[in-house]
């Protein structure tokens, strides 16, 4: 060691060693884990730089490496919390963006395309935050004791995420109202509707959909609204749908009358489906009706209940 004292690397080692010891002692005196002390962190930075010195004596290097390895272990433990803080900020930013988009479009947040993914990410975040808050290692190592403000922030973020993981009742109310209004518009014979989507057997039909097609293969086009979408929701070729005609082509007094038509007969008639004002509103209503049909499925059971429940039941927001 006397030979080592004659050159610079040992002098630097001695200064770094002493500074590590002093800053650790100062942190512990405040009941703070040294890892979270700014002075200790600065000393670790000097130790990392010195460890790269090729002329440093092996014994000194081992002592530095022991301190650096311990610091790396504490950093790995805290990285979990740092990741949660980053996720928290990202979720907050996404939430603000969704709220801006919802205000711009005049719709509930739950009707936006990114809402369901955001709510699911909030649910996952809440689970991970709770696991970190209860983590024994973070407690035993002294991380949470040293950073009570961070623990409080994670706890608040957990509560916020839990609340945001569930669609608020106000969203349900507004979506119910929008669905009622949209179905009433589509069922109005005088409404001016755009028909830009073609129906085929792989696309579900919803109660409330407005269709345009030829009632007879050689006849004129007519429009009708779906009042019963069948047990398969218009997906199975052996199913049938019940329509209410909105107009009467020449020689056929059918306006206001209902007719049940096998889906096989609809195929090949070039059926067009009227646009909903919000396509995701239709998607949510399709999901709700299909879930209801599965819950009460029976090929012989009347689906008439869909007409009233489409207007009165709470829509699903899982696909929002």
C-alpha atoms as a PDB file:
ATOM      1  CA  UNK A   1       0.000   0.000   0.000  1.00  0.00           C
ATOM      2  CA  UNK A   2       2.941   2.358   0.651  1.00  0.00           C
ATOM      3  CA  UNK A   3       3.962   2.039  -2.971  1.00  0.00           C
ATOM      4  CA  UNK A   4       0.388   2.778  -4.015  1.00  0.00           C
ATOM      5  CA  UNK A   5       0.359   5.937  -1.885  1.00  0.00           C
ATOM      6  CA  UNK A   6       3.097   7.368  -4.072  1.00  0.00           C
ATOM      7  CA  UNK A   7       0.920   7.867  -7.108  1.00  0.00           C
ATOM      8  CA  UNK A   8      -2.349   9.582  -7.971  1.00  0.00           C
ATOM      9  CA  UNK A   9      -4.807   6.685  -8.315  1.00  0.00           C
ATOM     10  CA  UNK A  10      -4.507   5.773  -4.643  1.00  0.00           C
ATOM     11  CA  UNK A  11      -4.996   9.388  -3.554  1.00  0.00           C
ATOM     12  CA  UNK A  12      -8.154   9.539  -5.654  1.00  0.00           C
ATOM     13  CA  UNK A  13      -9.280   6.204  -4.227  1.00  0.00           C
ATOM     14  CA  UNK A  14      -8.800   7.447  -0.681  1.00  0.00           C
ATOM     15  CA  UNK A  15     -10.854  10.584  -1.378  1.00  0.00           C
ATOM     16  CA  UNK A  16     -13.663   8.592  -2.992  1.00  0.00           C
ATOM     17  CA  UNK A  17     -13.617   5.989  -0.202  1.00  0.00           C
ATOM     18  CA  UNK A  18     -13.885   8.672   2.444  1.00  0.00           C
ATOM     19  CA  UNK A  19     -16.607  10.522   0.596  1.00  0.00           C
ATOM     20  CA  UNK A  20     -18.666   7.338   0.208  1.00  0.00           C
ATOM     21  CA  UNK A  21     -18.351   6.678   3.932  1.00  0.00           C
ATOM     22  CA  UNK A  22     -19.202  10.248   4.918  1.00  0.00           C
ATOM     23  CA  UNK A  23     -22.250  10.587   2.673  1.00  0.00           C
ATOM     24  CA  UNK A  24     -23.540   7.156   3.708  1.00  0.00           C
ATOM     25  CA  UNK A  25     -23.221   8.101   7.378  1.00  0.00           C
ATOM     26  CA  UNK A  26     -24.978  11.429   6.775  1.00  0.00           C
ATOM     27  CA  UNK A  27     -27.850   9.699   4.976  1.00  0.00           C
ATOM     28  CA  UNK A  28     -28.255   7.065   7.656  1.00  0.00           C
ATOM     29  CA  UNK A  29     -28.291   9.771  10.310  1.00  0.00           C
ATOM     30  CA  UNK A  30     -31.401  11.143   8.564  1.00  0.00           C
ATOM     31  CA  UNK A  31     -32.847   7.598   8.334  1.00  0.00           C
ATOM     32  CA  UNK A  32     -32.443   7.701   4.548  1.00  0.00           C
ATOM     33  CA  UNK A  33     -31.108   4.893   2.394  1.00  0.00           C
ATOM     34  CA  UNK A  34     -27.728   6.030   0.993  1.00  0.00           C
ATOM     35  CA  UNK A  35     -28.933   5.230  -2.536  1.00  0.00           C
ATOM     36  CA  UNK A  36     -31.442   8.103  -2.275  1.00  0.00           C
ATOM     37  CA  UNK A  37     -28.907  10.651  -0.985  1.00  0.00           C
ATOM     38  CA  UNK A  38     -27.696  13.104  -3.636  1.00  0.00           C
ATOM     39  CA  UNK A  39     -24.224  13.337  -2.115  1.00  0.00           C
ATOM     40  CA  UNK A  40     -23.818   9.587  -2.050  1.00  0.00           C
ATOM     41  CA  UNK A  41     -24.951   9.401  -5.674  1.00  0.00           C
ATOM     42  CA  UNK A  42     -22.298  11.920  -6.670  1.00  0.00           C
ATOM     43  CA  UNK A  43     -19.663   9.879  -4.828  1.00  0.00           C
ATOM     44  CA  UNK A  44     -20.803   6.756  -6.666  1.00  0.00           C
ATOM     45  CA  UNK A  45     -20.315   8.634  -9.931  1.00  0.00           C
ATOM     46  CA  UNK A  46     -16.707   9.358  -8.950  1.00  0.00           C
ATOM     47  CA  UNK A  47     -16.222   5.718  -7.972  1.00  0.00           C
ATOM     48  CA  UNK A  48     -17.475   4.567 -11.382  1.00  0.00           C
ATOM     49  CA  UNK A  49     -15.002   6.869 -13.098  1.00  0.00           C
ATOM     50  CA  UNK A  50     -12.105   5.794 -10.873  1.00  0.00           C
ATOM     51  CA  UNK A  51     -12.841   2.093 -11.338  1.00  0.00           C
ATOM     52  CA  UNK A  52     -11.908   2.526 -14.996  1.00  0.00           C
ATOM     53  CA  UNK A  53      -8.401   3.679 -14.025  1.00  0.00           C
ATOM     54  CA  UNK A  54      -6.005   0.965 -15.320  1.00  0.00           C
ATOM     55  CA  UNK A  55      -3.300   1.703 -12.717  1.00  0.00           C
ATOM     56  CA  UNK A  56      -5.641   1.305  -9.738  1.00  0.00           C
ATOM     57  CA  UNK A  57      -4.404  -1.394  -7.357  1.00  0.00           C
ATOM     58  CA  UNK A  58      -6.512  -4.586  -7.270  1.00  0.00           C
ATOM     59  CA  UNK A  59      -7.456  -4.297  -3.583  1.00  0.00           C
ATOM     60  CA  UNK A  60      -8.731  -0.751  -4.103  1.00  0.00           C
ATOM     61  CA  UNK A  61     -10.648  -1.818  -7.202  1.00  0.00           C
ATOM     62  CA  UNK A  62     -12.374  -4.615  -5.243  1.00  0.00           C
ATOM     63  CA  UNK A  63     -13.587  -2.140  -2.628  1.00  0.00           C
ATOM     64  CA  UNK A  64     -14.927   0.175  -5.305  1.00  0.00           C
ATOM     65  CA  UNK A  65     -16.649  -2.696  -7.081  1.00  0.00           C
ATOM     66  CA  UNK A  66     -18.333  -3.780  -3.849  1.00  0.00           C
ATOM     67  CA  UNK A  67     -19.807  -0.297  -3.423  1.00  0.00           C
ATOM     68  CA  UNK A  68     -20.802  -0.128  -7.089  1.00  0.00           C
ATOM     69  CA  UNK A  69     -22.454  -3.568  -7.006  1.00  0.00           C
ATOM     70  CA  UNK A  70     -24.458  -2.611  -3.931  1.00  0.00           C
ATOM     71  CA  UNK A  71     -25.565   0.599  -5.611  1.00  0.00           C
ATOM     72  CA  UNK A  72     -26.547  -1.333  -8.754  1.00  0.00           C
ATOM     73  CA  UNK A  73     -28.689  -3.683  -6.647  1.00  0.00           C
ATOM     74  CA  UNK A  74     -30.531  -0.736  -5.066  1.00  0.00           C
ATOM     75  CA  UNK A  75     -30.941   0.854  -8.515  1.00  0.00           C
ATOM     76  CA  UNK A  76     -32.484  -2.342  -9.890  1.00  0.00           C
ATOM     77  CA  UNK A  77     -34.972  -2.387  -7.012  1.00  0.00           C
ATOM     78  CA  UNK A  78     -35.884   1.277  -7.518  1.00  0.00           C
ATOM     79  CA  UNK A  79     -36.147   0.905 -11.301  1.00  0.00           C
ATOM     80  CA  UNK A  80     -39.518  -0.763 -10.704  1.00  0.00           C
ATOM     81  CA  UNK A  81     -40.783   2.395  -9.026  1.00  0.00           C
ATOM     82  CA  UNK A  82     -39.206   4.646 -11.647  1.00  0.00           C
ATOM     83  CA  UNK A  83     -41.039   2.649 -14.300  1.00  0.00           C
ATOM     84  CA  UNK A  84     -44.318   3.124 -12.455  1.00  0.00           C
ATOM     85  CA  UNK A  85     -43.752   6.872 -12.284  1.00  0.00           C
ATOM     86  CA  UNK A  86     -43.098   6.974 -16.041  1.00  0.00           C
ATOM     87  CA  UNK A  87     -46.226   4.889 -16.706  1.00  0.00           C
ATOM     88  CA  UNK A  88     -48.234   7.191 -14.441  1.00  0.00           C
ATOM     89  CA  UNK A  89     -47.172  10.266 -16.413  1.00  0.00           C
ATOM     90  CA  UNK A  90     -47.901   8.526 -19.733  1.00  0.00           C
ATOM     91  CA  UNK A  91     -51.395   7.489 -18.594  1.00  0.00           C
ATOM     92  CA  UNK A  92     -52.095  11.028 -17.412  1.00  0.00           C
ATOM     93  CA  UNK A  93     -51.029  12.429 -20.799  1.00  0.00           C
ATOM     94  CA  UNK A  94     -53.166   9.922 -22.683  1.00  0.00           C
ATOM     95  CA  UNK A  95     -56.132  10.735 -20.462  1.00  0.00           C
ATOM     96  CA  UNK A  96     -55.798  14.455 -21.123  1.00  0.00           C
ATOM     97  CA  UNK A  97     -55.598  13.751 -24.848  1.00  0.00           C
ATOM     98  CA  UNK A  98     -58.751  11.611 -24.754  1.00  0.00           C
ATOM     99  CA  UNK A  99     -60.602  14.310 -22.843  1.00  0.00           C
ATOM    100  CA  UNK A 100     -59.582  16.902 -25.442  1.00  0.00           C
ATOM    101  CA  UNK A 101     -60.744  14.647 -28.272  1.00  0.00           C
ATOM    102  CA  UNK A 102     -64.040  13.917 -26.506  1.00  0.00           C
ATOM    103  CA  UNK A 103     -64.733  17.629 -26.017  1.00  0.00           C
ATOM    104  CA  UNK A 104     -63.851  18.342 -29.647  1.00  0.00           C
ATOM    105  CA  UNK A 105     -66.156  15.585 -30.961  1.00  0.00           C
ATOM    106  CA  UNK A 106     -68.905  16.162 -28.416  1.00  0.00           C
ATOM    107  CA  UNK A 107     -68.929  12.530 -27.269  1.00  0.00           C
ATOM    108  CA  UNK A 108     -68.183  10.651 -24.036  1.00  0.00           C
ATOM    109  CA  UNK A 109     -64.576   9.540 -23.579  1.00  0.00           C
ATOM    110  CA  UNK A 110     -65.758   5.912 -23.635  1.00  0.00           C
ATOM    111  CA  UNK A 111     -66.898   6.317 -27.234  1.00  0.00           C
ATOM    112  CA  UNK A 112     -63.368   7.093 -28.459  1.00  0.00           C
ATOM    113  CA  UNK A 113     -61.307   4.409 -30.163  1.00  0.00           C
ATOM    114  CA  UNK A 114     -58.450   4.626 -27.639  1.00  0.00           C
ATOM    115  CA  UNK A 115     -60.596   4.610 -24.497  1.00  0.00           C
ATOM    116  CA  UNK A 116     -60.818   0.856 -23.890  1.00  0.00           C
ATOM    117  CA  UNK A 117     -57.052   0.359 -24.203  1.00  0.00           C
ATOM    118  CA  UNK A 118     -56.447   3.300 -21.894  1.00  0.00           C
ATOM    119  CA  UNK A 119     -58.860   1.921 -19.281  1.00  0.00           C
ATOM    120  CA  UNK A 120     -57.240  -1.515 -19.469  1.00  0.00           C
ATOM    121  CA  UNK A 121     -53.777   0.020 -19.067  1.00  0.00           C
ATOM    122  CA  UNK A 122     -55.062   1.891 -16.014  1.00  0.00           C
ATOM    123  CA  UNK A 123     -56.316  -1.381 -14.550  1.00  0.00           C
ATOM    124  CA  UNK A 124     -52.929  -3.038 -15.086  1.00  0.00           C
ATOM    125  CA  UNK A 125     -51.134  -0.006 -13.643  1.00  0.00           C
ATOM    126  CA  UNK A 126     -53.298  -0.095 -10.510  1.00  0.00           C
ATOM    127  CA  UNK A 127     -52.396  -3.757  -9.955  1.00  0.00           C
ATOM    128  CA  UNK A 128     -48.687  -3.113 -10.437  1.00  0.00           C
ATOM    129  CA  UNK A 129     -48.746  -0.026  -8.221  1.00  0.00           C
ATOM    130  CA  UNK A 130     -50.447  -1.936  -5.400  1.00  0.00           C
ATOM    131  CA  UNK A 131     -47.909  -4.749  -5.704  1.00  0.00           C
ATOM    132  CA  UNK A 132     -45.049  -2.238  -5.434  1.00  0.00           C
ATOM    133  CA  UNK A 133     -46.614  -0.453  -2.468  1.00  0.00           C
ATOM    134  CA  UNK A 134     -46.918  -3.793  -0.659  1.00  0.00           C
ATOM    135  CA  UNK A 135     -43.521  -5.102  -1.767  1.00  0.00           C
ATOM    136  CA  UNK A 136     -41.519  -6.327   1.215  1.00  0.00           C
ATOM    137  CA  UNK A 137     -38.120  -5.703  -0.387  1.00  0.00           C
ATOM    138  CA  UNK A 138     -38.877  -2.048  -1.105  1.00  0.00           C
ATOM    139  CA  UNK A 139     -39.906  -1.670   2.528  1.00  0.00           C
ATOM    140  CA  UNK A 140     -37.048  -3.686   4.047  1.00  0.00           C
ATOM    141  CA  UNK A 141     -34.331  -2.039   1.954  1.00  0.00           C
ATOM    142  CA  UNK A 142     -35.584   1.361   3.077  1.00  0.00           C
ATOM    143  CA  UNK A 143     -36.745   2.712  -0.287  1.00  0.00           C
ATOM    144  CA  UNK A 144     -40.239   3.690   0.815  1.00  0.00           C
ATOM    145  CA  UNK A 145     -38.954   5.048   4.130  1.00  0.00           C
ATOM    146  CA  UNK A 146     -36.488   7.215   2.247  1.00  0.00           C
ATOM    147  CA  UNK A 147     -38.975   8.459  -0.345  1.00  0.00           C
ATOM    148  CA  UNK A 148     -42.337   8.919   1.411  1.00  0.00           C
ATOM    149  CA  UNK A 149     -43.413  11.551  -1.125  1.00  0.00           C
ATOM    150  CA  UNK A 150     -42.887   9.078  -3.973  1.00  0.00           C
ATOM    151  CA  UNK A 151     -44.822   6.382  -2.123  1.00  0.00           C
ATOM    152  CA  UNK A 152     -47.678   8.858  -1.637  1.00  0.00           C
ATOM    153  CA  UNK A 153     -47.613   9.775  -5.343  1.00  0.00           C
ATOM    154  CA  UNK A 154     -47.784   6.102  -6.361  1.00  0.00           C
ATOM    155  CA  UNK A 155     -50.665   5.552  -3.941  1.00  0.00           C
ATOM    156  CA  UNK A 156     -52.576   8.503  -5.390  1.00  0.00           C
ATOM    157  CA  UNK A 157     -51.870   7.265  -8.914  1.00  0.00           C
ATOM    158  CA  UNK A 158     -53.179   3.815  -7.979  1.00  0.00           C
ATOM    159  CA  UNK A 159     -56.468   5.305  -6.773  1.00  0.00           C
ATOM    160  CA  UNK A 160     -56.705   7.475  -9.871  1.00  0.00           C
ATOM    161  CA  UNK A 161     -56.038   4.501 -12.157  1.00  0.00           C
ATOM    162  CA  UNK A 162     -58.654   2.356 -10.426  1.00  0.00           C
ATOM    163  CA  UNK A 163     -61.246   5.065 -10.977  1.00  0.00           C
ATOM    164  CA  UNK A 164     -60.252   5.526 -14.627  1.00  0.00           C
ATOM    165  CA  UNK A 165     -60.281   1.772 -15.322  1.00  0.00           C
ATOM    166  CA  UNK A 166     -64.078   1.832 -15.059  1.00  0.00           C
ATOM    167  CA  UNK A 167     -66.278   3.857 -17.385  1.00  0.00           C
ATOM    168  CA  UNK A 168     -68.206   6.462 -15.386  1.00  0.00           C
ATOM    169  CA  UNK A 169     -71.978   6.253 -15.118  1.00  0.00           C
ATOM    170  CA  UNK A 170     -72.214   9.580 -16.924  1.00  0.00           C
ATOM    171  CA  UNK A 171     -70.667   7.944 -19.994  1.00  0.00           C
ATOM    172  CA  UNK A 172     -73.244   5.153 -19.854  1.00  0.00           C
ATOM    173  CA  UNK A 173     -76.055   7.689 -19.589  1.00  0.00           C
ATOM    174  CA  UNK A 174     -74.844   9.734 -22.543  1.00  0.00           C
ATOM    175  CA  UNK A 175     -74.276   6.641 -24.689  1.00  0.00           C
ATOM    176  CA  UNK A 176     -77.803   5.417 -23.906  1.00  0.00           C
ATOM    177  CA  UNK A 177     -79.196   8.772 -24.963  1.00  0.00           C
ATOM    178  CA  UNK A 178     -77.085   8.845 -28.133  1.00  0.00           C
ATOM    179  CA  UNK A 179     -78.149   5.301 -29.025  1.00  0.00           C
ATOM    180  CA  UNK A 180     -81.838   6.142 -28.585  1.00  0.00           C
ATOM    181  CA  UNK A 181     -81.484   9.279 -30.688  1.00  0.00           C
ATOM    182  CA  UNK A 182     -79.571   7.452 -33.402  1.00  0.00           C
ATOM    183  CA  UNK A 183     -82.088   4.606 -33.606  1.00  0.00           C
ATOM    184  CA  UNK A 184     -84.935   7.124 -33.816  1.00  0.00           C
ATOM    185  CA  UNK A 185     -83.141   8.942 -36.658  1.00  0.00           C
ATOM    186  CA  UNK A 186     -82.495   5.739 -38.591  1.00  0.00           C
ATOM    187  CA  UNK A 187     -86.119   4.648 -38.169  1.00  0.00           C
ATOM    188  CA  UNK A 188     -87.465   7.950 -39.541  1.00  0.00           C
ATOM    189  CA  UNK A 189     -88.618   7.341 -43.141  1.00  0.00           C
ATOM    190  CA  UNK A 190     -87.875  10.967 -43.998  1.00  0.00           C
ATOM    191  CA  UNK A 191     -84.317  10.935 -42.633  1.00  0.00           C
ATOM    192  CA  UNK A 192     -81.557  11.485 -45.167  1.00  0.00           C
ATOM    193  CA  UNK A 193     -79.144   8.583 -44.621  1.00  0.00           C
ATOM    194  CA  UNK A 194     -75.880   7.690 -46.300  1.00  0.00           C
ATOM    195  CA  UNK A 195     -75.457   4.041 -47.308  1.00  0.00           C
ATOM    196  CA  UNK A 196     -71.734   3.415 -47.670  1.00  0.00           C
ATOM    197  CA  UNK A 197     -71.388  -0.087 -46.208  1.00  0.00           C
ATOM    198  CA  UNK A 198     -72.405  -3.347 -47.838  1.00  0.00           C
ATOM    199  CA  UNK A 199     -73.708  -6.162 -45.643  1.00  0.00           C
ATOM    200  CA  UNK A 200     -72.449  -9.717 -45.896  1.00  0.00           C
ATOM    201  CA  UNK A 201     -72.905 -12.759 -43.657  1.00  0.00           C
ATOM    202  CA  UNK A 202     -69.714 -12.121 -41.699  1.00  0.00           C
ATOM    203  CA  UNK A 203     -70.837  -8.670 -40.606  1.00  0.00           C
ATOM    204  CA  UNK A 204     -73.338  -8.617 -37.722  1.00  0.00           C
ATOM    205  CA  UNK A 205     -76.602  -6.757 -37.969  1.00  0.00           C
ATOM    206  CA  UNK A 206     -77.888  -4.683 -35.093  1.00  0.00           C
ATOM    207  CA  UNK A 207     -81.390  -3.898 -34.041  1.00  0.00           C
ATOM    208  CA  UNK A 208     -81.829  -0.348 -35.315  1.00  0.00           C
ATOM    209  CA  UNK A 209     -79.747  -0.799 -38.479  1.00  0.00           C
ATOM    210  CA  UNK A 210     -81.331   0.753 -41.556  1.00  0.00           C
ATOM    211  CA  UNK A 211     -81.009  -1.332 -44.715  1.00  0.00           C
ATOM    212  CA  UNK A 212     -81.526  -0.610 -48.391  1.00  0.00           C
ATOM    213  CA  UNK A 213     -82.029  -3.415 -50.900  1.00  0.00           C
ATOM    214  CA  UNK A 214     -84.447  -4.869 -53.426  1.00  0.00           C
ATOM    215  CA  UNK A 215     -87.347  -6.602 -51.704  1.00  0.00           C
ATOM    216  CA  UNK A 216     -87.844  -8.614 -54.846  1.00  0.00           C
ATOM    217  CA  UNK A 217     -85.001  -9.605 -57.144  1.00  0.00           C
ATOM    218  CA  UNK A 218     -86.488  -7.661 -60.063  1.00  0.00           C
ATOM    219  CA  UNK A 219     -88.177  -4.954 -57.997  1.00  0.00           C
ATOM    220  CA  UNK A 220     -87.200  -1.432 -56.920  1.00  0.00           C
ATOM    221  CA  UNK A 221     -85.030  -0.681 -53.913  1.00  0.00           C
ATOM    222  CA  UNK A 222     -86.718  -0.150 -50.576  1.00  0.00           C
ATOM    223  CA  UNK A 223     -85.515   0.676 -47.095  1.00  0.00           C
ATOM    224  CA  UNK A 224     -86.255  -1.059 -43.797  1.00  0.00           C
ATOM    225  CA  UNK A 225     -85.072  -0.958 -40.215  1.00  0.00           C
ATOM    226  CA  UNK A 226     -84.005  -4.090 -38.299  1.00  0.00           C
ATOM    227  CA  UNK A 227     -86.364  -4.817 -35.398  1.00  0.00           C
ATOM    228  CA  UNK A 228     -85.085  -8.341 -34.642  1.00  0.00           C
ATOM    229  CA  UNK A 229     -81.595  -9.391 -35.680  1.00  0.00           C
ATOM    230  CA  UNK A 230     -82.082 -13.112 -35.112  1.00  0.00           C
ATOM    231  CA  UNK A 231     -80.378 -15.456 -32.701  1.00  0.00           C
ATOM    232  CA  UNK A 232     -77.034 -15.086 -34.506  1.00  0.00           C
ATOM    233  CA  UNK A 233     -77.200 -11.332 -34.960  1.00  0.00           C
ATOM    234  CA  UNK A 234     -77.329 -11.751 -38.727  1.00  0.00           C
ATOM    235  CA  UNK A 235     -74.223 -13.940 -38.914  1.00  0.00           C
ATOM    236  CA  UNK A 236     -75.571 -17.457 -39.524  1.00  0.00           C
ATOM    237  CA  UNK A 237     -76.985 -18.143 -42.986  1.00  0.00           C
ATOM    238  CA  UNK A 238     -79.760 -20.320 -41.477  1.00  0.00           C
ATOM    239  CA  UNK A 239     -80.923 -17.457 -39.264  1.00  0.00           C
ATOM    240  CA  UNK A 240     -83.496 -14.811 -40.206  1.00  0.00           C
ATOM    241  CA  UNK A 241     -84.099 -11.151 -39.418  1.00  0.00           C
ATOM    242  CA  UNK A 242     -87.290  -9.197 -38.943  1.00  0.00           C
ATOM    243  CA  UNK A 243     -87.534  -5.837 -40.697  1.00  0.00           C
ATOM    244  CA  UNK A 244     -89.988  -2.964 -40.604  1.00  0.00           C
ATOM    245  CA  UNK A 245     -90.423  -1.408 -44.015  1.00  0.00           C
ATOM    246  CA  UNK A 246     -90.048   2.362 -44.157  1.00  0.00           C
ATOM    247  CA  UNK A 247     -91.592   2.899 -47.579  1.00  0.00           C
ATOM    248  CA  UNK A 248     -93.814   1.299 -50.170  1.00  0.00           C
ATOM    249  CA  UNK A 249     -92.516   0.731 -53.694  1.00  0.00           C
ATOM    250  CA  UNK A 250     -95.093   1.007 -56.497  1.00  0.00           C
ATOM    251  CA  UNK A 251     -97.743  -1.695 -56.199  1.00  0.00           C
ATOM    252  CA  UNK A 252     -96.585  -2.919 -52.771  1.00  0.00           C
ATOM    253  CA  UNK A 253     -98.204  -1.349 -49.713  1.00  0.00           C
ATOM    254  CA  UNK A 254     -95.674  -2.468 -47.087  1.00  0.00           C
ATOM    255  CA  UNK A 255     -94.717   0.763 -45.268  1.00  0.00           C
ATOM    256  CA  UNK A 256     -94.846   0.215 -41.503  1.00  0.00           C
ATOM    257  CA  UNK A 257     -95.300  -3.537 -41.867  1.00  0.00           C
ATOM    258  CA  UNK A 258     -92.884  -6.118 -40.498  1.00  0.00           C
ATOM    259  CA  UNK A 259     -91.490  -9.011 -42.469  1.00  0.00           C
ATOM    260  CA  UNK A 260     -89.226 -11.853 -41.384  1.00  0.00           C
ATOM    261  CA  UNK A 261     -86.679 -12.714 -44.062  1.00  0.00           C
ATOM    262  CA  UNK A 262     -84.196 -15.634 -44.045  1.00  0.00           C
ATOM    263  CA  UNK A 263     -80.619 -14.408 -44.291  1.00  0.00           C
ATOM    264  CA  UNK A 264     -80.095 -16.752 -47.220  1.00  0.00           C
ATOM    265  CA  UNK A 265     -82.678 -14.720 -49.135  1.00  0.00           C
ATOM    266  CA  UNK A 266     -80.888 -11.470 -48.320  1.00  0.00           C
ATOM    267  CA  UNK A 267     -77.590 -12.716 -49.715  1.00  0.00           C
ATOM    268  CA  UNK A 268     -76.998 -11.514 -53.212  1.00  0.00           C
ATOM    269  CA  UNK A 269     -79.459  -8.644 -52.988  1.00  0.00           C
ATOM    270  CA  UNK A 270     -76.761  -6.026 -52.517  1.00  0.00           C
ATOM    271  CA  UNK A 271     -77.905  -5.052 -49.038  1.00  0.00           C
ATOM    272  CA  UNK A 272     -76.510  -1.680 -47.936  1.00  0.00           C
ATOM    273  CA  UNK A 273     -76.345  -0.564 -44.296  1.00  0.00           C
ATOM    274  CA  UNK A 274     -76.898   3.091 -43.414  1.00  0.00           C
ATOM    275  CA  UNK A 275     -74.095   4.924 -41.636  1.00  0.00           C
ATOM    276  CA  UNK A 276     -74.503   5.637 -37.947  1.00  0.00           C
ATOM    277  CA  UNK A 277     -73.433   9.105 -36.856  1.00  0.00           C
ATOM    278  CA  UNK A 278     -70.642   7.434 -34.826  1.00  0.00           C
ATOM    279  CA  UNK A 279     -69.461   4.049 -36.042  1.00  0.00           C
ATOM    280  CA  UNK A 280     -68.136   3.157 -32.583  1.00  0.00           C
ATOM    281  CA  UNK A 281     -71.613   3.817 -31.192  1.00  0.00           C
ATOM    282  CA  UNK A 282     -72.896   1.135 -33.548  1.00  0.00           C
ATOM    283  CA  UNK A 283     -70.016  -1.179 -32.629  1.00  0.00           C
ATOM    284  CA  UNK A 284     -70.796  -0.852 -28.937  1.00  0.00           C
ATOM    285  CA  UNK A 285     -74.487  -1.502 -29.568  1.00  0.00           C
ATOM    286  CA  UNK A 286     -73.669  -4.578 -31.664  1.00  0.00           C
ATOM    287  CA  UNK A 287     -71.462  -5.896 -28.845  1.00  0.00           C
ATOM    288  CA  UNK A 288     -74.188  -5.259 -26.276  1.00  0.00           C
ATOM    289  CA  UNK A 289     -76.870  -6.983 -28.342  1.00  0.00           C
ATOM    290  CA  UNK A 290     -74.668  -9.976 -29.154  1.00  0.00           C
ATOM    291  CA  UNK A 291     -73.715 -10.418 -25.492  1.00  0.00           C
ATOM    292  CA  UNK A 292     -77.387 -10.297 -24.569  1.00  0.00           C
ATOM    293  CA  UNK A 293     -78.246 -12.801 -27.273  1.00  0.00           C
ATOM    294  CA  UNK A 294     -75.547 -15.217 -26.052  1.00  0.00           C
ATOM    295  CA  UNK A 295     -76.725 -14.904 -22.442  1.00  0.00           C
ATOM    296  CA  UNK A 296     -80.284 -15.813 -23.397  1.00  0.00           C
ATOM    297  CA  UNK A 297     -79.525 -17.914 -26.459  1.00  0.00           C
ATOM    298  CA  UNK A 298     -82.092 -20.352 -27.742  1.00  0.00           C
ATOM    299  CA  UNK A 299     -82.838 -20.773 -31.460  1.00  0.00           C
ATOM    300  CA  UNK A 300     -86.526 -21.038 -30.602  1.00  0.00           C
ATOM    301  CA  UNK A 301     -86.583 -18.044 -28.261  1.00  0.00           C
ATOM    302  CA  UNK A 302     -88.088 -14.855 -29.619  1.00  0.00           C
ATOM    303  CA  UNK A 303     -85.612 -12.034 -30.027  1.00  0.00           C
ATOM    304  CA  UNK A 304     -88.379  -9.466 -29.849  1.00  0.00           C
ATOM    305  CA  UNK A 305     -86.998  -8.261 -26.529  1.00  0.00           C
ATOM    306  CA  UNK A 306     -84.058  -6.759 -28.429  1.00  0.00           C
ATOM    307  CA  UNK A 307     -86.207  -3.912 -29.686  1.00  0.00           C
ATOM    308  CA  UNK A 308     -86.991  -2.462 -26.270  1.00  0.00           C
ATOM    309  CA  UNK A 309     -83.758  -3.517 -24.580  1.00  0.00           C
ATOM    310  CA  UNK A 310     -81.745  -1.825 -27.329  1.00  0.00           C
ATOM    311  CA  UNK A 311     -83.175   1.433 -26.106  1.00  0.00           C
ATOM    312  CA  UNK A 312     -83.303   0.791 -22.376  1.00  0.00           C
ATOM    313  CA  UNK A 313     -80.320  -1.361 -21.415  1.00  0.00           C
ATOM    314  CA  UNK A 314     -76.906  -0.045 -20.494  1.00  0.00           C
ATOM    315  CA  UNK A 315     -74.497  -0.290 -23.414  1.00  0.00           C
ATOM    316  CA  UNK A 316     -71.247  -2.175 -23.093  1.00  0.00           C
ATOM    317  CA  UNK A 317     -68.114  -0.004 -23.190  1.00  0.00           C
ATOM    318  CA  UNK A 318     -65.602  -2.807 -23.398  1.00  0.00           C
ATOM    319  CA  UNK A 319     -64.954  -2.171 -27.074  1.00  0.00           C
ATOM    320  CA  UNK A 320     -64.966   1.599 -26.760  1.00  0.00           C
END
